Amino acid sequence: MDPPFGSIARSGPGIGVAIVRAIHGRPACDITRRRSGPRRRNTRLAVERGACAVAAAQRPYVMRREPTATDFAIPPLLDELLSSGRWPNDPRIGISQNLRPLASPERVRRFAPEEELIYLNSPPFRTIADEMRSASPVVVDEFWKRLAALDQIVPEKALILGDFGMGSDAPIILDYARDALDPPVLRLKYAASGDTAWVQGARNFEEFATMLGLAGGVA
């Protein structure tokens, strides 16, 4: 039986092909996100960092198994960064980014010129569809349906890598709908008018990691 928080399977130590499954439920926490910046809309997007992260940390989510047709192939570099600890591989480590970001503001601006902070999710990774299933009806209506430009993506094929910190309401995704083997990295961008759109910030995960300075030997 799969563990309740999904799973990541690696083909071997070090660089390998990791597989992540979409998850269909997790404890419901109703911690409201703090808004930041004048361009943010006053939505009630609940997050599950803190109490939910601690709860997730108490459950096993890593196991070896054979991939199936419903799984996403995680980029090999992400698998390597998880193995080396350069990408948060535990929820308790992930929340420390609020005080000690993993990328400098200069690096973040290479990916998103108007941003200066980035928060990288730890596994198990979730799709936007997963987030919508576990969110309250208020969050689904006020954020996901009103502001998340769902007509521009396929929620079931949008794997969330992170966002731009507490209150940003701006997910960063791997878009498997555009390319199932080498997906581009998109971000939800807010215009001055308040309108939103998914824009491509990197051609693929390797370029994304290079921009943030996570890949070895990057200038």
N, C-alpha and C. Protein backbone atom coordinates (compact mmCIF):
# COMPACT_ATOMS: atom_id res chain seq x y z
N MET A 1 0.85 -1.20 0.00
CA MET A 1 0.00 0.00 0.00
C MET A 1 0.87 1.23 0.00
N ASP A 2 0.49 2.23 -0.81
CA ASP A 2 1.26 3.46 -0.85
C ASP A 2 1.11 4.21 0.45
N PRO A 3 2.15 4.91 0.91
CA PRO A 3 2.04 5.72 2.12
C PRO A 3 1.12 6.89 1.87
N PRO A 4 0.49 7.44 2.95
CA PRO A 4 -0.53 8.47 2.76
C PRO A 4 -0.04 9.75 2.19
N PHE A 5 1.28 9.99 2.18
CA PHE A 5 1.79 11.24 1.65
C PHE A 5 2.47 11.06 0.30
N GLY A 6 2.13 10.02 -0.44
CA GLY A 6 2.75 9.83 -1.75
C GLY A 6 4.13 9.25 -1.60
N SER A 7 4.88 9.19 -2.69
CA SER A 7 6.19 8.57 -2.62
C SER A 7 7.11 9.09 -3.69
N ILE A 8 8.39 8.94 -3.44
CA ILE A 8 9.42 9.21 -4.43
C ILE A 8 10.26 7.96 -4.53
N ALA A 9 10.50 7.49 -5.74
CA ALA A 9 11.32 6.31 -5.92
C ALA A 9 12.52 6.67 -6.75
N ARG A 10 13.70 6.25 -6.35
CA ARG A 10 14.91 6.52 -7.09
C ARG A 10 15.43 5.21 -7.67
N SER A 11 16.07 5.33 -8.81
CA SER A 11 16.59 4.13 -9.47
C SER A 11 17.91 3.69 -8.88
N GLY A 12 18.50 4.49 -8.02
CA GLY A 12 19.76 4.12 -7.41
C GLY A 12 20.33 5.30 -6.68
N PRO A 13 21.44 5.11 -5.97
CA PRO A 13 22.02 6.24 -5.24
C PRO A 13 22.57 7.28 -6.20
N GLY A 14 22.64 8.54 -5.73
CA GLY A 14 23.18 9.60 -6.58
C GLY A 14 22.19 9.99 -7.64
N ILE A 15 22.70 10.29 -8.84
CA ILE A 15 21.83 10.73 -9.92
C ILE A 15 21.03 9.54 -10.41
N GLY A 16 19.76 9.71 -10.51
CA GLY A 16 18.91 8.63 -11.00
C GLY A 16 17.59 9.22 -11.41
N VAL A 17 16.71 8.39 -11.90
CA VAL A 17 15.38 8.85 -12.28
C VAL A 17 14.48 8.67 -11.09
N ALA A 18 13.90 9.76 -10.62
CA ALA A 18 12.99 9.70 -9.49
C ALA A 18 11.57 9.78 -10.01
N ILE A 19 10.70 9.15 -9.30
CA ILE A 19 9.30 9.12 -9.71
C ILE A 19 8.46 9.66 -8.55
N VAL A 20 7.56 10.54 -8.88
CA VAL A 20 6.67 11.08 -7.85
C VAL A 20 5.24 10.86 -8.27
N ARG A 21 4.43 10.42 -7.34
CA ARG A 21 3.04 10.18 -7.65
C ARG A 21 2.19 11.33 -7.16
N ALA A 22 1.11 11.57 -7.87
CA ALA A 22 0.15 12.55 -7.39
C ALA A 22 -0.49 12.02 -6.13
N ILE A 23 -0.77 12.91 -5.20
CA ILE A 23 -1.30 12.52 -3.92
C ILE A 23 -2.75 12.99 -3.84
N HIS A 24 -3.56 12.27 -3.10
CA HIS A 24 -4.98 12.59 -3.09
C HIS A 24 -5.49 12.99 -1.72
N GLY A 25 -4.61 13.33 -0.80
CA GLY A 25 -5.09 13.79 0.48
C GLY A 25 -3.98 13.96 1.47
N ARG A 26 -4.16 14.88 2.44
CA ARG A 26 -3.24 15.07 3.53
C ARG A 26 -3.97 15.82 4.61
N PRO A 27 -3.42 15.91 5.83
CA PRO A 27 -4.14 16.57 6.90
C PRO A 27 -4.53 17.98 6.50
N ALA A 28 -5.75 18.37 6.88
CA ALA A 28 -6.23 19.70 6.54
C ALA A 28 -5.82 20.69 7.61
N CYS A 29 -4.97 21.64 7.24
CA CYS A 29 -4.59 22.71 8.15
C CYS A 29 -5.08 24.01 7.56
N ASP A 30 -5.49 24.93 8.38
CA ASP A 30 -6.11 26.14 7.91
C ASP A 30 -5.30 27.36 8.33
N ILE A 31 -3.98 27.29 8.12
CA ILE A 31 -3.11 28.40 8.47
C ILE A 31 -3.14 29.40 7.32
N THR A 32 -3.57 30.60 7.59
CA THR A 32 -3.74 31.60 6.54
C THR A 32 -2.41 32.26 6.20
N ARG A 33 -2.15 32.45 4.93
CA ARG A 33 -0.90 33.05 4.47
C ARG A 33 -0.92 34.55 4.68
N ARG A 34 0.22 35.10 5.06
CA ARG A 34 0.37 36.55 5.20
C ARG A 34 0.57 37.17 3.82
N ARG A 35 -0.09 38.28 3.57
CA ARG A 35 0.06 38.97 2.30
C ARG A 35 1.30 39.85 2.32
N SER A 36 1.98 40.00 1.21
CA SER A 36 3.14 40.87 1.15
C SER A 36 3.19 41.57 -0.19
N GLY A 37 3.47 42.87 -0.17
CA GLY A 37 3.65 43.60 -1.42
C GLY A 37 2.35 44.16 -1.96
N PRO A 38 2.40 45.28 -2.59
CA PRO A 38 1.19 45.95 -3.08
C PRO A 38 0.50 45.22 -4.22
N ARG A 39 1.23 44.34 -4.92
CA ARG A 39 0.61 43.70 -6.07
C ARG A 39 -0.17 42.45 -5.69
N ARG A 40 -0.11 42.04 -4.42
CA ARG A 40 -0.79 40.82 -4.00
C ARG A 40 -2.29 41.08 -3.84
N ARG A 41 -3.08 40.13 -4.24
CA ARG A 41 -4.52 40.24 -4.03
C ARG A 41 -4.86 39.73 -2.65
N ASN A 42 -5.92 40.24 -2.07
CA ASN A 42 -6.30 39.87 -0.71
C ASN A 42 -7.09 38.58 -0.73
N THR A 43 -6.42 37.47 -1.01
CA THR A 43 -7.06 36.16 -1.03
C THR A 43 -6.71 35.40 0.23
N ARG A 44 -7.45 34.34 0.49
CA ARG A 44 -7.21 33.53 1.69
C ARG A 44 -6.65 32.18 1.25
N LEU A 45 -5.38 32.18 0.89
CA LEU A 45 -4.74 30.95 0.45
C LEU A 45 -4.13 30.27 1.65
N ALA A 46 -4.71 29.12 2.02
CA ALA A 46 -4.20 28.39 3.19
C ALA A 46 -2.92 27.67 2.84
N VAL A 47 -2.00 27.59 3.78
CA VAL A 47 -0.77 26.84 3.60
C VAL A 47 -0.64 25.83 4.71
N GLU A 48 0.16 24.82 4.46
CA GLU A 48 0.35 23.79 5.46
C GLU A 48 1.80 23.66 5.84
N ARG A 49 2.48 24.81 5.96
CA ARG A 49 3.80 24.81 6.52
C ARG A 49 3.64 24.91 8.02
N GLY A 50 4.60 24.57 8.77
CA GLY A 50 4.48 24.62 10.22
C GLY A 50 3.83 23.34 10.71
N ALA A 51 2.59 23.42 11.18
CA ALA A 51 1.93 22.26 11.76
C ALA A 51 1.82 21.12 10.76
N CYS A 52 1.44 21.44 9.52
CA CYS A 52 1.31 20.37 8.53
C CYS A 52 2.67 19.80 8.15
N ALA A 53 3.68 20.65 8.09
CA ALA A 53 5.02 20.16 7.75
C ALA A 53 5.52 19.21 8.81
N VAL A 54 5.26 19.54 10.08
CA VAL A 54 5.67 18.65 11.16
C VAL A 54 4.92 17.33 11.07
N ALA A 55 3.62 17.42 10.76
CA ALA A 55 2.84 16.18 10.64
C ALA A 55 3.36 15.32 9.51
N ALA A 56 3.71 15.97 8.39
CA ALA A 56 4.23 15.21 7.25
C ALA A 56 5.55 14.56 7.57
N ALA A 57 6.35 15.24 8.37
CA ALA A 57 7.67 14.72 8.70
C ALA A 57 7.60 13.45 9.53
N GLN A 58 6.47 13.24 10.20
CA GLN A 58 6.33 12.05 11.03
C GLN A 58 5.91 10.83 10.23
N ARG A 59 5.62 11.02 8.94
CA ARG A 59 5.14 9.91 8.13
C ARG A 59 6.18 9.54 7.08
N PRO A 60 6.35 8.26 6.81
CA PRO A 60 7.30 7.86 5.75
C PRO A 60 6.75 8.22 4.39
N TYR A 61 7.60 8.80 3.54
CA TYR A 61 7.14 9.10 2.19
C TYR A 61 8.12 8.63 1.14
N VAL A 62 9.23 8.05 1.54
CA VAL A 62 10.20 7.59 0.56
C VAL A 62 10.18 6.08 0.53
N MET A 63 10.03 5.53 -0.64
CA MET A 63 10.03 4.09 -0.79
C MET A 63 10.46 3.75 -2.21
N ARG A 64 10.99 2.57 -2.37
CA ARG A 64 11.39 2.12 -3.70
C ARG A 64 10.24 1.35 -4.32
N ARG A 65 9.97 1.67 -5.59
CA ARG A 65 8.94 0.95 -6.31
C ARG A 65 9.14 1.16 -7.79
N GLU A 66 8.45 0.38 -8.57
CA GLU A 66 8.53 0.51 -10.02
C GLU A 66 7.62 1.64 -10.48
N PRO A 67 8.05 2.43 -11.47
CA PRO A 67 7.19 3.52 -11.96
C PRO A 67 5.95 2.99 -12.66
N THR A 68 4.90 3.79 -12.68
CA THR A 68 3.68 3.44 -13.39
C THR A 68 3.37 4.54 -14.38
N ALA A 69 2.37 4.30 -15.21
CA ALA A 69 2.03 5.25 -16.27
C ALA A 69 1.48 6.56 -15.72
N THR A 70 1.00 6.57 -14.47
CA THR A 70 0.40 7.78 -13.91
C THR A 70 1.43 8.64 -13.16
N ASP A 71 2.69 8.22 -13.17
CA ASP A 71 3.72 8.95 -12.44
C ASP A 71 4.41 9.98 -13.32
N PHE A 72 5.06 10.95 -12.65
CA PHE A 72 5.87 11.94 -13.34
C PHE A 72 7.33 11.56 -13.19
N ALA A 73 8.09 11.71 -14.26
CA ALA A 73 9.53 11.47 -14.20
C ALA A 73 10.21 12.74 -13.69
N ILE A 74 10.75 12.67 -12.49
CA ILE A 74 11.42 13.83 -11.91
C ILE A 74 12.75 14.05 -12.65
N PRO A 75 13.09 15.30 -12.96
CA PRO A 75 14.37 15.57 -13.63
C PRO A 75 15.54 14.98 -12.84
N PRO A 76 16.48 14.33 -13.51
CA PRO A 76 17.61 13.72 -12.81
C PRO A 76 18.37 14.69 -11.91
N LEU A 77 18.50 15.96 -12.34
CA LEU A 77 19.22 16.92 -11.52
C LEU A 77 18.49 17.19 -10.21
N LEU A 78 17.16 17.22 -10.23
CA LEU A 78 16.41 17.39 -8.99
C LEU A 78 16.64 16.21 -8.06
N ASP A 79 16.68 15.03 -8.62
CA ASP A 79 16.98 13.82 -7.84
C ASP A 79 18.36 13.95 -7.18
N GLU A 80 19.32 14.44 -7.94
CA GLU A 80 20.68 14.62 -7.42
C GLU A 80 20.70 15.68 -6.30
N LEU A 81 20.00 16.79 -6.51
CA LEU A 81 19.98 17.84 -5.50
C LEU A 81 19.29 17.37 -4.22
N LEU A 82 18.26 16.55 -4.36
CA LEU A 82 17.60 15.98 -3.18
C LEU A 82 18.55 15.05 -2.43
N SER A 83 19.28 14.23 -3.17
CA SER A 83 20.20 13.27 -2.55
C SER A 83 21.34 13.97 -1.82
N SER A 84 21.80 15.09 -2.39
CA SER A 84 22.93 15.81 -1.80
C SER A 84 22.52 16.78 -0.72
N GLY A 85 21.22 17.05 -0.60
CA GLY A 85 20.75 18.01 0.38
C GLY A 85 20.76 19.45 -0.09
N ARG A 86 21.10 19.67 -1.35
CA ARG A 86 21.11 21.06 -1.86
C ARG A 86 19.70 21.53 -2.17
N TRP A 87 18.77 20.61 -2.30
CA TRP A 87 17.34 20.93 -2.38
C TRP A 87 16.71 20.34 -1.12
N PRO A 88 15.81 21.05 -0.44
CA PRO A 88 15.23 20.54 0.80
C PRO A 88 14.62 19.15 0.62
N ASN A 89 15.08 18.21 1.40
CA ASN A 89 14.57 16.83 1.27
C ASN A 89 13.76 16.39 2.48
N ASP A 90 13.42 17.33 3.34
CA ASP A 90 12.64 17.03 4.53
C ASP A 90 11.82 18.27 4.88
N PRO A 91 10.53 18.12 5.22
CA PRO A 91 9.71 19.30 5.53
C PRO A 91 10.29 20.16 6.65
N ARG A 92 10.95 19.53 7.63
CA ARG A 92 11.50 20.31 8.74
C ARG A 92 12.67 21.17 8.28
N ILE A 93 13.39 20.69 7.27
CA ILE A 93 14.46 21.50 6.68
C ILE A 93 13.87 22.59 5.80
N GLY A 94 12.81 22.24 5.08
CA GLY A 94 12.20 23.18 4.16
C GLY A 94 11.75 24.46 4.81
N ILE A 95 11.13 24.37 5.98
CA ILE A 95 10.59 25.58 6.60
C ILE A 95 11.69 26.53 7.08
N SER A 96 12.92 26.04 7.21
CA SER A 96 14.02 26.92 7.64
C SER A 96 14.36 27.96 6.58
N GLN A 97 13.87 27.77 5.34
CA GLN A 97 14.14 28.74 4.27
C GLN A 97 13.52 30.10 4.56
N ASN A 98 12.51 30.12 5.43
CA ASN A 98 11.90 31.40 5.78
C ASN A 98 12.91 32.33 6.45
N LEU A 99 13.92 31.73 7.11
CA LEU A 99 14.96 32.53 7.75
C LEU A 99 16.27 32.50 6.98
N ARG A 100 16.54 31.37 6.30
CA ARG A 100 17.80 31.20 5.57
C ARG A 100 17.50 30.74 4.14
N PRO A 101 17.21 31.67 3.25
CA PRO A 101 16.90 31.30 1.86
C PRO A 101 18.06 30.56 1.20
N LEU A 102 17.73 29.68 0.28
CA LEU A 102 18.74 28.88 -0.42
C LEU A 102 19.30 29.60 -1.64
N ALA A 103 18.67 30.66 -2.06
CA ALA A 103 19.15 31.42 -3.23
C ALA A 103 19.16 32.90 -2.88
N SER A 104 20.17 33.60 -3.35
CA SER A 104 20.29 35.03 -3.08
C SER A 104 19.24 35.80 -3.89
N PRO A 105 18.90 37.02 -3.48
CA PRO A 105 17.96 37.83 -4.27
C PRO A 105 18.42 38.01 -5.71
N GLU A 106 19.73 38.16 -5.91
CA GLU A 106 20.24 38.32 -7.28
C GLU A 106 19.95 37.09 -8.12
N ARG A 107 20.12 35.92 -7.52
CA ARG A 107 19.83 34.67 -8.23
C ARG A 107 18.34 34.54 -8.55
N VAL A 108 17.51 34.87 -7.56
CA VAL A 108 16.07 34.76 -7.76
C VAL A 108 15.62 35.66 -8.91
N ARG A 109 16.21 36.86 -8.99
CA ARG A 109 15.81 37.78 -10.05
C ARG A 109 16.20 37.30 -11.44
N ARG A 110 17.14 36.38 -11.53
CA ARG A 110 17.45 35.80 -12.85
C ARG A 110 16.26 34.99 -13.37
N PHE A 111 15.52 34.41 -12.44
CA PHE A 111 14.34 33.61 -12.81
C PHE A 111 13.08 34.47 -12.88
N ALA A 112 12.94 35.38 -11.89
CA ALA A 112 11.76 36.25 -11.82
C ALA A 112 12.24 37.65 -11.44
N PRO A 113 12.39 38.54 -12.41
CA PRO A 113 13.01 39.85 -12.17
C PRO A 113 12.37 40.68 -11.05
N GLU A 114 11.07 40.50 -10.82
CA GLU A 114 10.40 41.32 -9.81
C GLU A 114 10.39 40.68 -8.42
N GLU A 115 11.01 39.52 -8.28
CA GLU A 115 11.03 38.82 -6.99
C GLU A 115 12.42 38.84 -6.39
N GLU A 116 12.51 38.52 -5.08
CA GLU A 116 13.81 38.46 -4.43
C GLU A 116 13.95 37.31 -3.44
N LEU A 117 12.86 36.58 -3.20
CA LEU A 117 12.88 35.45 -2.28
C LEU A 117 12.21 34.26 -2.95
N ILE A 118 12.76 33.08 -2.73
CA ILE A 118 12.14 31.87 -3.28
C ILE A 118 12.08 30.81 -2.19
N TYR A 119 11.01 30.06 -2.19
CA TYR A 119 10.81 28.96 -1.24
C TYR A 119 10.66 27.68 -2.05
N LEU A 120 11.54 26.71 -1.81
CA LEU A 120 11.54 25.44 -2.55
C LEU A 120 10.85 24.37 -1.71
N ASN A 121 9.88 23.70 -2.30
CA ASN A 121 9.15 22.66 -1.59
C ASN A 121 10.01 21.43 -1.38
N SER A 122 9.78 20.75 -0.27
CA SER A 122 10.39 19.44 -0.04
C SER A 122 9.40 18.37 -0.47
N PRO A 123 9.87 17.15 -0.77
CA PRO A 123 8.95 16.09 -1.14
C PRO A 123 8.11 15.67 0.06
N PRO A 124 6.93 15.11 -0.17
CA PRO A 124 6.38 14.72 -1.46
C PRO A 124 5.82 15.91 -2.24
N PHE A 125 6.19 15.99 -3.51
CA PHE A 125 5.71 17.07 -4.35
C PHE A 125 4.25 16.82 -4.71
N ARG A 126 3.53 17.91 -4.92
CA ARG A 126 2.10 17.83 -5.21
C ARG A 126 1.78 18.60 -6.49
N THR A 127 0.72 18.19 -7.14
CA THR A 127 0.25 18.92 -8.31
C THR A 127 -0.73 20.00 -7.86
N ILE A 128 -1.04 20.90 -8.76
CA ILE A 128 -2.06 21.90 -8.45
C ILE A 128 -3.40 21.23 -8.21
N ALA A 129 -3.68 20.17 -8.94
CA ALA A 129 -4.93 19.43 -8.71
C ALA A 129 -4.97 18.87 -7.30
N ASP A 130 -3.84 18.36 -6.79
CA ASP A 130 -3.79 17.87 -5.42
C ASP A 130 -4.11 18.98 -4.43
N GLU A 131 -3.50 20.16 -4.65
CA GLU A 131 -3.73 21.28 -3.75
C GLU A 131 -5.20 21.68 -3.75
N MET A 132 -5.82 21.68 -4.91
CA MET A 132 -7.22 22.06 -4.99
C MET A 132 -8.12 21.04 -4.28
N ARG A 133 -7.77 19.76 -4.38
CA ARG A 133 -8.58 18.73 -3.71
C ARG A 133 -8.52 18.86 -2.19
N SER A 134 -7.36 19.27 -1.66
CA SER A 134 -7.21 19.31 -0.22
C SER A 134 -7.51 20.69 0.38
N ALA A 135 -7.70 21.69 -0.47
CA ALA A 135 -7.96 23.05 0.02
C ALA A 135 -9.43 23.22 0.41
N SER A 136 -9.68 24.22 1.22
CA SER A 136 -11.06 24.53 1.60
C SER A 136 -11.79 25.12 0.41
N PRO A 137 -13.13 25.05 0.39
CA PRO A 137 -13.88 25.65 -0.72
C PRO A 137 -13.59 27.13 -0.90
N VAL A 138 -13.34 27.86 0.19
CA VAL A 138 -13.03 29.29 0.09
C VAL A 138 -11.74 29.50 -0.69
N VAL A 139 -10.71 28.72 -0.37
CA VAL A 139 -9.42 28.86 -1.05
C VAL A 139 -9.56 28.46 -2.52
N VAL A 140 -10.27 27.39 -2.79
CA VAL A 140 -10.48 26.96 -4.17
C VAL A 140 -11.16 28.06 -4.97
N ASP A 141 -12.20 28.66 -4.41
CA ASP A 141 -12.94 29.69 -5.13
C ASP A 141 -12.18 31.01 -5.22
N GLU A 142 -11.59 31.47 -4.10
CA GLU A 142 -11.00 32.80 -4.07
C GLU A 142 -9.60 32.86 -4.66
N PHE A 143 -8.87 31.75 -4.58
CA PHE A 143 -7.53 31.79 -5.17
C PHE A 143 -7.44 30.97 -6.45
N TRP A 144 -7.61 29.66 -6.32
CA TRP A 144 -7.34 28.79 -7.48
C TRP A 144 -8.23 29.13 -8.67
N LYS A 145 -9.52 29.29 -8.46
CA LYS A 145 -10.41 29.53 -9.60
C LYS A 145 -10.38 30.98 -10.08
N ARG A 146 -10.17 31.93 -9.16
CA ARG A 146 -10.20 33.34 -9.54
C ARG A 146 -8.85 33.87 -10.04
N LEU A 147 -7.77 33.40 -9.42
CA LEU A 147 -6.47 34.03 -9.67
C LEU A 147 -5.43 33.12 -10.30
N ALA A 148 -5.62 31.83 -10.32
CA ALA A 148 -4.55 30.93 -10.72
C ALA A 148 -4.49 30.63 -12.22
N ALA A 149 -5.28 31.33 -13.02
CA ALA A 149 -5.24 31.18 -14.48
C ALA A 149 -5.24 29.71 -14.90
N LEU A 150 -6.20 28.97 -14.39
CA LEU A 150 -6.25 27.52 -14.64
C LEU A 150 -6.49 27.18 -16.10
N ASP A 151 -7.02 28.13 -16.85
CA ASP A 151 -7.26 27.87 -18.28
C ASP A 151 -5.96 27.80 -19.07
N GLN A 152 -4.85 28.22 -18.47
CA GLN A 152 -3.57 28.23 -19.17
C GLN A 152 -2.71 27.00 -18.89
N ILE A 153 -3.14 26.15 -17.96
CA ILE A 153 -2.37 24.97 -17.58
C ILE A 153 -3.30 23.77 -17.43
N VAL A 154 -2.71 22.62 -17.19
CA VAL A 154 -3.47 21.41 -16.85
C VAL A 154 -3.14 21.10 -15.39
N PRO A 155 -4.04 21.37 -14.45
CA PRO A 155 -3.72 21.22 -13.02
C PRO A 155 -3.16 19.86 -12.64
N GLU A 156 -3.64 18.81 -13.31
CA GLU A 156 -3.16 17.46 -12.99
C GLU A 156 -1.73 17.22 -13.47
N LYS A 157 -1.23 18.09 -14.34
CA LYS A 157 0.12 17.92 -14.88
C LYS A 157 1.04 19.09 -14.51
N ALA A 158 0.64 19.83 -13.50
CA ALA A 158 1.43 20.96 -13.02
C ALA A 158 1.98 20.62 -11.65
N LEU A 159 3.25 20.24 -11.60
CA LEU A 159 3.88 19.80 -10.36
C LEU A 159 4.53 21.01 -9.67
N ILE A 160 4.13 21.27 -8.44
CA ILE A 160 4.58 22.47 -7.74
C ILE A 160 5.97 22.26 -7.14
N LEU A 161 6.90 23.16 -7.53
CA LEU A 161 8.27 23.14 -7.00
C LEU A 161 8.44 24.06 -5.80
N GLY A 162 7.63 25.10 -5.72
CA GLY A 162 7.77 26.07 -4.64
C GLY A 162 6.97 27.31 -4.95
N ASP A 163 7.38 28.44 -4.33
CA ASP A 163 6.76 29.73 -4.59
C ASP A 163 7.75 30.82 -4.20
N PHE A 164 7.25 32.03 -4.05
CA PHE A 164 8.14 33.14 -3.73
C PHE A 164 8.00 33.60 -2.28
N GLY A 165 7.75 32.66 -1.41
CA GLY A 165 7.70 32.94 0.01
C GLY A 165 6.30 33.18 0.53
N MET A 166 6.21 33.29 1.86
CA MET A 166 4.93 33.46 2.52
C MET A 166 4.20 34.68 1.98
N GLY A 167 2.93 34.47 1.62
CA GLY A 167 2.11 35.57 1.12
C GLY A 167 2.21 35.83 -0.36
N SER A 168 3.08 35.12 -1.06
CA SER A 168 3.27 35.42 -2.48
C SER A 168 2.11 34.95 -3.33
N ASP A 169 1.48 33.84 -2.96
CA ASP A 169 0.39 33.27 -3.75
C ASP A 169 0.79 33.12 -5.21
N ALA A 170 2.04 32.73 -5.44
CA ALA A 170 2.57 32.63 -6.80
C ALA A 170 3.36 31.34 -6.94
N PRO A 171 2.68 30.22 -7.23
CA PRO A 171 3.37 28.93 -7.35
C PRO A 171 4.36 28.90 -8.50
N ILE A 172 5.35 28.04 -8.35
CA ILE A 172 6.33 27.73 -9.39
C ILE A 172 6.12 26.27 -9.74
N ILE A 173 5.97 25.95 -11.02
CA ILE A 173 5.61 24.59 -11.40
C ILE A 173 6.51 24.04 -12.51
N LEU A 174 6.58 22.72 -12.54
CA LEU A 174 7.06 21.99 -13.72
C LEU A 174 5.83 21.67 -14.54
N ASP A 175 5.80 22.12 -15.79
CA ASP A 175 4.61 21.96 -16.63
C ASP A 175 4.75 20.73 -17.52
N TYR A 176 4.28 19.60 -17.02
CA TYR A 176 4.36 18.35 -17.77
C TYR A 176 3.37 18.30 -18.92
N ALA A 177 2.41 19.20 -18.95
CA ALA A 177 1.48 19.24 -20.07
C ALA A 177 2.18 19.74 -21.34
N ARG A 178 3.17 20.60 -21.17
CA ARG A 178 3.90 21.14 -22.33
C ARG A 178 4.97 20.17 -22.82
N ASP A 179 5.62 19.49 -21.88
CA ASP A 179 6.66 18.54 -22.26
C ASP A 179 6.76 17.50 -21.14
N ALA A 180 6.37 16.27 -21.45
CA ALA A 180 6.33 15.23 -20.44
C ALA A 180 7.71 14.73 -20.04
N LEU A 181 8.72 14.93 -20.88
CA LEU A 181 10.06 14.42 -20.60
C LEU A 181 11.00 15.49 -20.07
N ASP A 182 10.84 16.72 -20.55
CA ASP A 182 11.73 17.81 -20.13
C ASP A 182 10.89 19.06 -19.92
N PRO A 183 10.07 19.06 -18.86
CA PRO A 183 9.09 20.14 -18.69
C PRO A 183 9.73 21.49 -18.39
N PRO A 184 9.15 22.55 -18.92
CA PRO A 184 9.63 23.91 -18.58
C PRO A 184 9.17 24.28 -17.17
N VAL A 185 9.82 25.31 -16.63
CA VAL A 185 9.46 25.81 -15.30
C VAL A 185 8.68 27.11 -15.48
N LEU A 186 7.45 27.12 -14.98
CA LEU A 186 6.58 28.28 -15.09
C LEU A 186 6.33 28.88 -13.71
N ARG A 187 5.91 30.13 -13.70
CA ARG A 187 5.53 30.79 -12.46
C ARG A 187 4.27 31.60 -12.69
N LEU A 188 3.47 31.74 -11.65
CA LEU A 188 2.27 32.56 -11.74
C LEU A 188 2.66 34.01 -11.48
N LYS A 189 2.48 34.85 -12.48
CA LYS A 189 2.90 36.25 -12.41
C LYS A 189 1.68 37.17 -12.30
N TYR A 190 1.79 38.15 -11.39
CA TYR A 190 0.74 39.14 -11.19
C TYR A 190 1.09 40.42 -11.95
N ALA A 191 0.14 40.91 -12.74
CA ALA A 191 0.32 42.20 -13.40
C ALA A 191 -0.11 43.31 -12.46
N ALA A 192 0.26 44.55 -12.78
CA ALA A 192 -0.12 45.68 -11.95
C ALA A 192 -1.63 45.81 -11.83
N SER A 193 -2.33 45.34 -12.83
CA SER A 193 -3.79 45.39 -12.83
C SER A 193 -4.41 44.36 -11.91
N GLY A 194 -3.60 43.40 -11.48
CA GLY A 194 -4.11 42.32 -10.66
C GLY A 194 -4.38 41.05 -11.46
N ASP A 195 -4.31 41.15 -12.78
CA ASP A 195 -4.48 39.96 -13.61
C ASP A 195 -3.28 39.04 -13.44
N THR A 196 -3.49 37.77 -13.70
CA THR A 196 -2.42 36.78 -13.55
C THR A 196 -2.23 35.99 -14.83
N ALA A 197 -1.03 35.46 -14.99
CA ALA A 197 -0.71 34.62 -16.14
C ALA A 197 0.45 33.72 -15.78
N TRP A 198 0.48 32.55 -16.37
CA TRP A 198 1.62 31.64 -16.21
C TRP A 198 2.67 32.00 -17.24
N VAL A 199 3.86 32.34 -16.77
CA VAL A 199 4.95 32.71 -17.67
C VAL A 199 6.11 31.75 -17.47
N GLN A 200 6.81 31.48 -18.54
CA GLN A 200 7.96 30.58 -18.47
C GLN A 200 9.18 31.34 -17.98
N GLY A 201 9.78 30.81 -16.90
CA GLY A 201 10.98 31.43 -16.36
C GLY A 201 12.24 30.69 -16.73
N ALA A 202 12.10 29.40 -17.06
CA ALA A 202 13.26 28.59 -17.44
C ALA A 202 12.81 27.52 -18.42
N ARG A 203 13.70 27.19 -19.37
CA ARG A 203 13.35 26.18 -20.38
C ARG A 203 13.12 24.82 -19.77
N ASN A 204 13.84 24.50 -18.71
CA ASN A 204 13.70 23.21 -18.05
C ASN A 204 14.26 23.33 -16.64
N PHE A 205 14.25 22.21 -15.91
CA PHE A 205 14.70 22.27 -14.52
C PHE A 205 16.19 22.59 -14.42
N GLU A 206 16.99 22.08 -15.34
CA GLU A 206 18.43 22.34 -15.28
C GLU A 206 18.72 23.84 -15.37
N GLU A 207 18.02 24.54 -16.28
CA GLU A 207 18.22 25.98 -16.38
C GLU A 207 17.73 26.68 -15.11
N PHE A 208 16.63 26.23 -14.56
CA PHE A 208 16.10 26.79 -13.33
C PHE A 208 17.11 26.66 -12.19
N ALA A 209 17.66 25.46 -12.00
CA ALA A 209 18.64 25.24 -10.93
C ALA A 209 19.90 26.06 -11.16
N THR A 210 20.29 26.22 -12.41
CA THR A 210 21.46 27.04 -12.73
C THR A 210 21.23 28.50 -12.38
N MET A 211 20.05 29.00 -12.70
CA MET A 211 19.72 30.39 -12.37
C MET A 211 19.82 30.64 -10.86
N LEU A 212 19.39 29.66 -10.07
CA LEU A 212 19.38 29.82 -8.61
C LEU A 212 20.75 29.51 -7.98
N GLY A 213 21.68 29.00 -8.78
CA GLY A 213 22.98 28.66 -8.24
C GLY A 213 23.02 27.36 -7.47
N LEU A 214 22.05 26.49 -7.71
CA LEU A 214 21.99 25.21 -7.00
C LEU A 214 22.84 24.14 -7.65
N ALA A 215 23.05 24.25 -8.95
CA ALA A 215 23.84 23.26 -9.68
C ALA A 215 25.32 23.55 -9.47
N GLY A 216 26.12 22.52 -9.34
CA GLY A 216 27.55 22.67 -9.08
C GLY A 216 28.28 23.33 -10.23
N GLY A 217 29.26 24.15 -9.88
CA GLY A 217 30.11 24.77 -10.88
C GLY A 217 29.46 25.88 -11.66
N VAL A 218 28.39 26.48 -11.07
CA VAL A 218 27.69 27.55 -11.78
C VAL A 218 28.27 28.89 -11.39
N ALA A 219 28.49 29.76 -12.37
CA ALA A 219 29.02 31.10 -12.08
C ALA A 219 27.97 31.98 -11.45
